[in-house]
Structure formats: structure tokens, C-alpha cells
Amino acid sequence: MPLKDYTTSISAVKSAGQIQGNLVAHGAKSIMLNYTNGVPSSLSFIIATPHGDLPFRLPAKVEAVKKVLEGQL
């Protein structure tokens, strides 16, 4: 199935919980979801590594993804 035709019945809250569970299972020490106007805008987390803790921040470019899914890009 092409990505633009993909849909799911899984709630965003459940998806976020599954992502958090996977991060914890792989050593995340801290996880934070950031919101803008009630919409997730980024996910930040810290992973423990042999070289020390590494912070990550993954932006959620919701509008850009929406355009890709609608075939506008």
C-alpha cells in the first residue's frame, strides 16, 4: 500500500505510548513530548550509551507530513 493511502485506527495516544515503551526498552532515561496548540511538535529523549548520555530531539513536522500524504510534494 502506498504511503499516501495509509490510514490507521490506532489513536495518537496509543502510538505515543508504544514509542515511549520502545525507547525505554532501548535504554531511554528521560522522554518528553512537546506540544504546540495541543498538537505534538517534537519528541525529546535521552539514551544512555557507553560514551555517556545522548540527548535527541525529533521534530514532528505535522504539516509537511500531511502534504506528503496528500500528494502535494
PDB file of N, CA and C in Angstrom:
ATOM      1  N   MET A   1       0.849  -1.172   0.000  1.00  0.00           N
ATOM      2  CA  MET A   1       0.000   0.000   0.000  1.00  0.00           C
ATOM      3  C   MET A   1       0.897   1.239   0.000  1.00  0.00           C
ATOM      4  N   PRO A   2       0.673   2.174  -0.912  1.00  0.00           N
ATOM      5  CA  PRO A   2       1.464   3.402  -0.926  1.00  0.00           C
ATOM      6  C   PRO A   2       1.246   4.199   0.357  1.00  0.00           C
ATOM      7  N   LEU A   3       2.292   4.926   0.760  1.00  0.00           N
ATOM      8  CA  LEU A   3       2.225   5.705   1.985  1.00  0.00           C
ATOM      9  C   LEU A   3       1.080   6.699   1.981  1.00  0.00           C
ATOM     10  N   LYS A   4       0.824   7.356   0.845  1.00  0.00           N
ATOM     11  CA  LYS A   4      -0.214   8.378   0.817  1.00  0.00           C
ATOM     12  C   LYS A   4      -1.614   7.806   1.037  1.00  0.00           C
ATOM     13  N   ASP A   5      -1.792   6.521   0.833  1.00  0.00           N
ATOM     14  CA  ASP A   5      -3.092   5.894   1.043  1.00  0.00           C
ATOM     15  C   ASP A   5      -3.197   5.207   2.402  1.00  0.00           C
ATOM     16  N   TYR A   6      -2.175   5.366   3.232  1.00  0.00           N
ATOM     17  CA  TYR A   6      -2.144   4.683   4.518  1.00  0.00           C
ATOM     18  C   TYR A   6      -3.072   5.368   5.511  1.00  0.00           C
ATOM     19  N   THR A   7      -3.754   4.591   6.301  1.00  0.00           N
ATOM     20  CA  THR A   7      -4.568   5.097   7.399  1.00  0.00           C
ATOM     21  C   THR A   7      -4.498   4.086   8.535  1.00  0.00           C
ATOM     22  N   THR A   8      -4.846   4.523   9.725  1.00  0.00           N
ATOM     23  CA  THR A   8      -4.802   3.637  10.878  1.00  0.00           C
ATOM     24  C   THR A   8      -5.961   3.942  11.809  1.00  0.00           C
ATOM     25  N   SER A   9      -6.344   2.959  12.580  1.00  0.00           N
ATOM     26  CA  SER A   9      -7.390   3.173  13.574  1.00  0.00           C
ATOM     27  C   SER A   9      -6.783   3.300  14.967  1.00  0.00           C
ATOM     28  N   ILE A  10      -5.455   3.219  15.058  1.00  0.00           N
ATOM     29  CA  ILE A  10      -4.767   3.347  16.349  1.00  0.00           C
ATOM     30  C   ILE A  10      -4.686   4.822  16.722  1.00  0.00           C
ATOM     31  N   SER A  11      -5.066   5.127  17.962  1.00  0.00           N
ATOM     32  CA  SER A  11      -5.053   6.525  18.405  1.00  0.00           C
ATOM     33  C   SER A  11      -3.623   7.046  18.536  1.00  0.00           C
ATOM     34  N   ALA A  12      -3.481   8.373  18.421  1.00  0.00           N
ATOM     35  CA  ALA A  12      -2.168   9.004  18.575  1.00  0.00           C
ATOM     36  C   ALA A  12      -1.615   8.753  19.971  1.00  0.00           C
ATOM     37  N   VAL A  13      -2.476   8.729  20.965  1.00  0.00           N
ATOM     38  CA  VAL A  13      -2.045   8.491  22.347  1.00  0.00           C
ATOM     39  C   VAL A  13      -1.456   7.086  22.485  1.00  0.00           C
ATOM     40  N   LYS A  14      -2.108   6.099  21.868  1.00  0.00           N
ATOM     41  CA  LYS A  14      -1.591   4.728  21.926  1.00  0.00           C
ATOM     42  C   LYS A  14      -0.264   4.631  21.177  1.00  0.00           C
ATOM     43  N   SER A  15      -0.168   5.278  20.023  1.00  0.00           N
ATOM     44  CA  SER A  15       1.086   5.272  19.258  1.00  0.00           C
ATOM     45  C   SER A  15       2.215   5.896  20.069  1.00  0.00           C
ATOM     46  N   ALA A  16       1.922   7.031  20.724  1.00  0.00           N
ATOM     47  CA  ALA A  16       2.937   7.698  21.549  1.00  0.00           C
ATOM     48  C   ALA A  16       3.377   6.776  22.689  1.00  0.00           C
ATOM     49  N   GLY A  17       2.437   6.062  23.289  1.00  0.00           N
ATOM     50  CA  GLY A  17       2.776   5.124  24.351  1.00  0.00           C
ATOM     51  C   GLY A  17       3.666   3.999  23.859  1.00  0.00           C
ATOM     52  N   GLN A  18       3.391   3.505  22.659  1.00  0.00           N
ATOM     53  CA  GLN A  18       4.211   2.437  22.090  1.00  0.00           C
ATOM     54  C   GLN A  18       5.623   2.943  21.792  1.00  0.00           C
ATOM     55  N   ILE A  19       5.730   4.171  21.286  1.00  0.00           N
ATOM     56  CA  ILE A  19       7.047   4.757  21.022  1.00  0.00           C
ATOM     57  C   ILE A  19       7.821   4.894  22.330  1.00  0.00           C
ATOM     58  N   GLN A  20       7.143   5.390  23.369  1.00  0.00           N
ATOM     59  CA  GLN A  20       7.802   5.545  24.666  1.00  0.00           C
ATOM     60  C   GLN A  20       8.254   4.191  25.210  1.00  0.00           C
ATOM     61  N   GLY A  21       7.418   3.172  25.064  1.00  0.00           N
ATOM     62  CA  GLY A  21       7.790   1.835  25.516  1.00  0.00           C
ATOM     63  C   GLY A  21       9.028   1.320  24.807  1.00  0.00           C
ATOM     64  N   ASN A  22       9.101   1.539  23.497  1.00  0.00           N
ATOM     65  CA  ASN A  22      10.282   1.115  22.734  1.00  0.00           C
ATOM     66  C   ASN A  22      11.531   1.877  23.159  1.00  0.00           C
ATOM     67  N   LEU A  23      11.387   3.178  23.401  1.00  0.00           N
ATOM     68  CA  LEU A  23      12.534   3.967  23.837  1.00  0.00           C
ATOM     69  C   LEU A  23      13.045   3.477  25.193  1.00  0.00           C
ATOM     70  N   VAL A  24      12.141   3.230  26.118  1.00  0.00           N
ATOM     71  CA  VAL A  24      12.529   2.736  27.449  1.00  0.00           C
ATOM     72  C   VAL A  24      13.198   1.368  27.323  1.00  0.00           C
ATOM     73  N   ALA A  25      12.647   0.506  26.475  1.00  0.00           N
ATOM     74  CA  ALA A  25      13.220  -0.830  26.282  1.00  0.00           C
ATOM     75  C   ALA A  25      14.646  -0.761  25.730  1.00  0.00           C
ATOM     76  N   HIS A  26      14.978   0.355  25.077  1.00  0.00           N
ATOM     77  CA  HIS A  26      16.318   0.512  24.500  1.00  0.00           C
ATOM     78  C   HIS A  26      17.179   1.491  25.290  1.00  0.00           C
ATOM     79  N   GLY A  27      16.802   1.725  26.533  1.00  0.00           N
ATOM     80  CA  GLY A  27      17.685   2.473  27.425  1.00  0.00           C
ATOM     81  C   GLY A  27      17.374   3.940  27.632  1.00  0.00           C
ATOM     82  N   ALA A  28      16.230   4.429  27.188  1.00  0.00           N
ATOM     83  CA  ALA A  28      15.902   5.839  27.402  1.00  0.00           C
ATOM     84  C   ALA A  28      15.787   6.120  28.895  1.00  0.00           C
ATOM     85  N   LYS A  29      16.396   7.216  29.319  1.00  0.00           N
ATOM     86  CA  LYS A  29      16.354   7.617  30.718  1.00  0.00           C
ATOM     87  C   LYS A  29      15.312   8.709  30.948  1.00  0.00           C
ATOM     88  N   SER A  30      14.972   9.422  29.898  1.00  0.00           N
ATOM     89  CA  SER A  30      14.034  10.535  30.004  1.00  0.00           C
ATOM     90  C   SER A  30      13.339  10.693  28.661  1.00  0.00           C
ATOM     91  N   ILE A  31      12.033  10.946  28.689  1.00  0.00           N
ATOM     92  CA  ILE A  31      11.253  11.136  27.460  1.00  0.00           C
ATOM     93  C   ILE A  31      10.312  12.309  27.681  1.00  0.00           C
ATOM     94  N   MET A  32      10.214  13.202  26.680  1.00  0.00           N
ATOM     95  CA  MET A  32       9.308  14.337  26.780  1.00  0.00           C
ATOM     96  C   MET A  32       8.641  14.571  25.424  1.00  0.00           C
ATOM     97  N   LEU A  33       7.314  14.691  25.434  1.00  0.00           N
ATOM     98  CA  LEU A  33       6.560  15.088  24.249  1.00  0.00           C
ATOM     99  C   LEU A  33       6.278  16.577  24.377  1.00  0.00           C
ATOM    100  N   ASN A  34       6.601  17.337  23.353  1.00  0.00           N
ATOM    101  CA  ASN A  34       6.366  18.773  23.342  1.00  0.00           C
ATOM    102  C   ASN A  34       5.170  19.056  22.447  1.00  0.00           C
ATOM    103  N   TYR A  35       4.320  19.999  22.863  1.00  0.00           N
ATOM    104  CA  TYR A  35       3.095  20.316  22.135  1.00  0.00           C
ATOM    105  C   TYR A  35       3.055  21.793  21.763  1.00  0.00           C
ATOM    106  N   THR A  36       2.465  22.085  20.616  1.00  0.00           N
ATOM    107  CA  THR A  36       2.174  23.445  20.192  1.00  0.00           C
ATOM    108  C   THR A  36       0.701  23.487  19.834  1.00  0.00           C
ATOM    109  N   ASN A  37      -0.056  24.308  20.542  1.00  0.00           N
ATOM    110  CA  ASN A  37      -1.502  24.416  20.321  1.00  0.00           C
ATOM    111  C   ASN A  37      -2.195  23.062  20.397  1.00  0.00           C
ATOM    112  N   GLY A  38      -1.767  22.218  21.333  1.00  0.00           N
ATOM    113  CA  GLY A  38      -2.402  20.922  21.540  1.00  0.00           C
ATOM    114  C   GLY A  38      -1.998  19.844  20.550  1.00  0.00           C
ATOM    115  N   VAL A  39      -1.057  20.157  19.662  1.00  0.00           N
ATOM    116  CA  VAL A  39      -0.594  19.200  18.647  1.00  0.00           C
ATOM    117  C   VAL A  39       0.864  18.857  18.950  1.00  0.00           C
ATOM    118  N   PRO A  40       1.235  17.567  18.932  1.00  0.00           N
ATOM    119  CA  PRO A  40       2.641  17.225  19.183  1.00  0.00           C
ATOM    120  C   PRO A  40       3.558  17.937  18.196  1.00  0.00           C
ATOM    121  N   SER A  41       4.597  18.590  18.736  1.00  0.00           N
ATOM    122  CA  SER A  41       5.531  19.310  17.874  1.00  0.00           C
ATOM    123  C   SER A  41       6.924  18.690  17.887  1.00  0.00           C
ATOM    124  N   SER A  42       7.252  17.945  18.932  1.00  0.00           N
ATOM    125  CA  SER A  42       8.533  17.232  18.942  1.00  0.00           C
ATOM    126  C   SER A  42       8.561  16.200  20.060  1.00  0.00           C
ATOM    127  N   LEU A  43       9.496  15.282  19.924  1.00  0.00           N
ATOM    128  CA  LEU A  43       9.731  14.246  20.917  1.00  0.00           C
ATOM    129  C   LEU A  43      11.191  14.360  21.316  1.00  0.00           C
ATOM    130  N   SER A  44      11.441  14.494  22.606  1.00  0.00           N
ATOM    131  CA  SER A  44      12.807  14.582  23.108  1.00  0.00           C
ATOM    132  C   SER A  44      13.053  13.406  24.043  1.00  0.00           C
ATOM    133  N   PHE A  45      14.283  12.878  24.005  1.00  0.00           N
ATOM    134  CA  PHE A  45      14.621  11.789  24.907  1.00  0.00           C
ATOM    135  C   PHE A  45      16.120  11.722  25.106  1.00  0.00           C
ATOM    136  N   ILE A  46      16.514  11.036  26.177  1.00  0.00           N
ATOM    137  CA  ILE A  46      17.927  10.824  26.489  1.00  0.00           C
ATOM    138  C   ILE A  46      18.165   9.323  26.546  1.00  0.00           C
ATOM    139  N   ILE A  47      19.180   8.875  25.826  1.00  0.00           N
ATOM    140  CA  ILE A  47      19.559   7.458  25.793  1.00  0.00           C
ATOM    141  C   ILE A  47      20.937   7.315  26.456  1.00  0.00           C
ATOM    142  N   ALA A  48      21.045   6.360  27.350  1.00  0.00           N
ATOM    143  CA  ALA A  48      22.331   6.063  27.967  1.00  0.00           C
ATOM    144  C   ALA A  48      23.162   5.224  26.998  1.00  0.00           C
ATOM    145  N   THR A  49      24.410   5.631  26.781  1.00  0.00           N
ATOM    146  CA  THR A  49      25.311   4.891  25.896  1.00  0.00           C
ATOM    147  C   THR A  49      26.620   4.642  26.641  1.00  0.00           C
ATOM    148  N   PRO A  50      27.477   3.783  26.112  1.00  0.00           N
ATOM    149  CA  PRO A  50      28.784   3.578  26.745  1.00  0.00           C
ATOM    150  C   PRO A  50      29.625   4.859  26.794  1.00  0.00           C
ATOM    151  N   HIS A  51      29.280   5.837  25.963  1.00  0.00           N
ATOM    152  CA  HIS A  51      30.025   7.098  25.911  1.00  0.00           C
ATOM    153  C   HIS A  51      29.315   8.208  26.680  1.00  0.00           C
ATOM    154  N   GLY A  52      28.313   7.860  27.441  1.00  0.00           N
ATOM    155  CA  GLY A  52      27.562   8.848  28.214  1.00  0.00           C
ATOM    156  C   GLY A  52      26.152   9.004  27.676  1.00  0.00           C
ATOM    157  N   ASP A  53      25.388   9.851  28.331  1.00  0.00           N
ATOM    158  CA  ASP A  53      24.009  10.105  27.919  1.00  0.00           C
ATOM    159  C   ASP A  53      23.975  10.963  26.655  1.00  0.00           C
ATOM    160  N   LEU A  54      23.143  10.557  25.692  1.00  0.00           N
ATOM    161  CA  LEU A  54      22.989  11.323  24.452  1.00  0.00           C
ATOM    162  C   LEU A  54      21.562  11.841  24.349  1.00  0.00           C
ATOM    163  N   PRO A  55      21.406  13.173  24.220  1.00  0.00           N
ATOM    164  CA  PRO A  55      20.057  13.733  24.063  1.00  0.00           C
ATOM    165  C   PRO A  55      19.658  13.772  22.587  1.00  0.00           C
ATOM    166  N   PHE A  56      18.383  13.570  22.331  1.00  0.00           N
ATOM    167  CA  PHE A  56      17.834  13.642  20.987  1.00  0.00           C
ATOM    168  C   PHE A  56      16.569  14.492  21.023  1.00  0.00           C
ATOM    169  N   ARG A  57      16.320  15.222  19.954  1.00  0.00           N
ATOM    170  CA  ARG A  57      15.060  15.948  19.787  1.00  0.00           C
ATOM    171  C   ARG A  57      14.613  15.720  18.349  1.00  0.00           C
ATOM    172  N   LEU A  58      13.470  15.088  18.204  1.00  0.00           N
ATOM    173  CA  LEU A  58      12.936  14.769  16.882  1.00  0.00           C
ATOM    174  C   LEU A  58      11.722  15.655  16.613  1.00  0.00           C
ATOM    175  N   PRO A  59      11.842  16.615  15.694  1.00  0.00           N
ATOM    176  CA  PRO A  59      10.687  17.473  15.411  1.00  0.00           C
ATOM    177  C   PRO A  59       9.590  16.698  14.699  1.00  0.00           C
ATOM    178  N   ALA A  60       8.362  17.053  15.000  1.00  0.00           N
ATOM    179  CA  ALA A  60       7.200  16.453  14.329  1.00  0.00           C
ATOM    180  C   ALA A  60       6.676  17.501  13.353  1.00  0.00           C
ATOM    181  N   LYS A  61       7.056  17.375  12.124  1.00  0.00           N
ATOM    182  CA  LYS A  61       6.639  18.340  11.106  1.00  0.00           C
ATOM    183  C   LYS A  61       5.304  17.883  10.522  1.00  0.00           C
ATOM    184  N   VAL A  62       4.267  18.081  11.322  1.00  0.00           N
ATOM    185  CA  VAL A  62       2.938  17.563  11.003  1.00  0.00           C
ATOM    186  C   VAL A  62       2.434  18.080   9.661  1.00  0.00           C
ATOM    187  N   GLU A  63       2.559  19.371   9.420  1.00  0.00           N
ATOM    188  CA  GLU A  63       2.058  19.942   8.159  1.00  0.00           C
ATOM    189  C   GLU A  63       2.834  19.408   6.959  1.00  0.00           C
ATOM    190  N   ALA A  64       4.141  19.237   7.092  1.00  0.00           N
ATOM    191  CA  ALA A  64       4.940  18.700   5.990  1.00  0.00           C
ATOM    192  C   ALA A  64       4.549  17.254   5.682  1.00  0.00           C
ATOM    193  N   VAL A  65       4.333  16.467   6.723  1.00  0.00           N
ATOM    194  CA  VAL A  65       3.914  15.074   6.520  1.00  0.00           C
ATOM    195  C   VAL A  65       2.534  15.032   5.875  1.00  0.00           C
ATOM    196  N   LYS A  66       1.644  15.897   6.325  1.00  0.00           N
ATOM    197  CA  LYS A  66       0.302  15.954   5.753  1.00  0.00           C
ATOM    198  C   LYS A  66       0.365  16.240   4.250  1.00  0.00           C
ATOM    199  N   LYS A  67       1.234  17.168   3.846  1.00  0.00           N
ATOM    200  CA  LYS A  67       1.374  17.483   2.418  1.00  0.00           C
ATOM    201  C   LYS A  67       1.883  16.286   1.634  1.00  0.00           C
ATOM    202  N   VAL A  68       2.846  15.559   2.210  1.00  0.00           N
ATOM    203  CA  VAL A  68       3.376  14.368   1.531  1.00  0.00           C
ATOM    204  C   VAL A  68       2.266  13.339   1.376  1.00  0.00           C
ATOM    205  N   LEU A  69       1.502  13.124   2.442  1.00  0.00           N
ATOM    206  CA  LEU A  69       0.438  12.122   2.399  1.00  0.00           C
ATOM    207  C   LEU A  69      -0.671  12.509   1.428  1.00  0.00           C
ATOM    208  N   GLU A  70      -0.871  13.814   1.242  1.00  0.00           N
ATOM    209  CA  GLU A  70      -1.898  14.278   0.317  1.00  0.00           C
ATOM    210  C   GLU A  70      -1.367  14.427  -1.112  1.00  0.00           C
ATOM    211  N   GLY A  71      -0.078  14.098  -1.313  1.00  0.00           N
ATOM    212  CA  GLY A  71       0.499  14.161  -2.649  1.00  0.00           C
ATOM    213  C   GLY A  71       0.815  15.561  -3.134  1.00  0.00           C
ATOM    214  N   GLN A  72       1.026  16.496  -2.204  1.00  0.00           N
ATOM    215  CA  GLN A  72       1.299  17.885  -2.586  1.00  0.00           C
ATOM    216  C   GLN A  72       2.783  18.163  -2.749  1.00  0.00           C
ATOM    217  N   LEU A  73       3.636  17.227  -2.409  1.00  0.00           N
ATOM    218  CA  LEU A  73       5.085  17.441  -2.571  1.00  0.00           C
ATOM    219  C   LEU A  73       5.635  16.541  -3.637  1.00  0.00           C
TER     220      LEU A  73
END
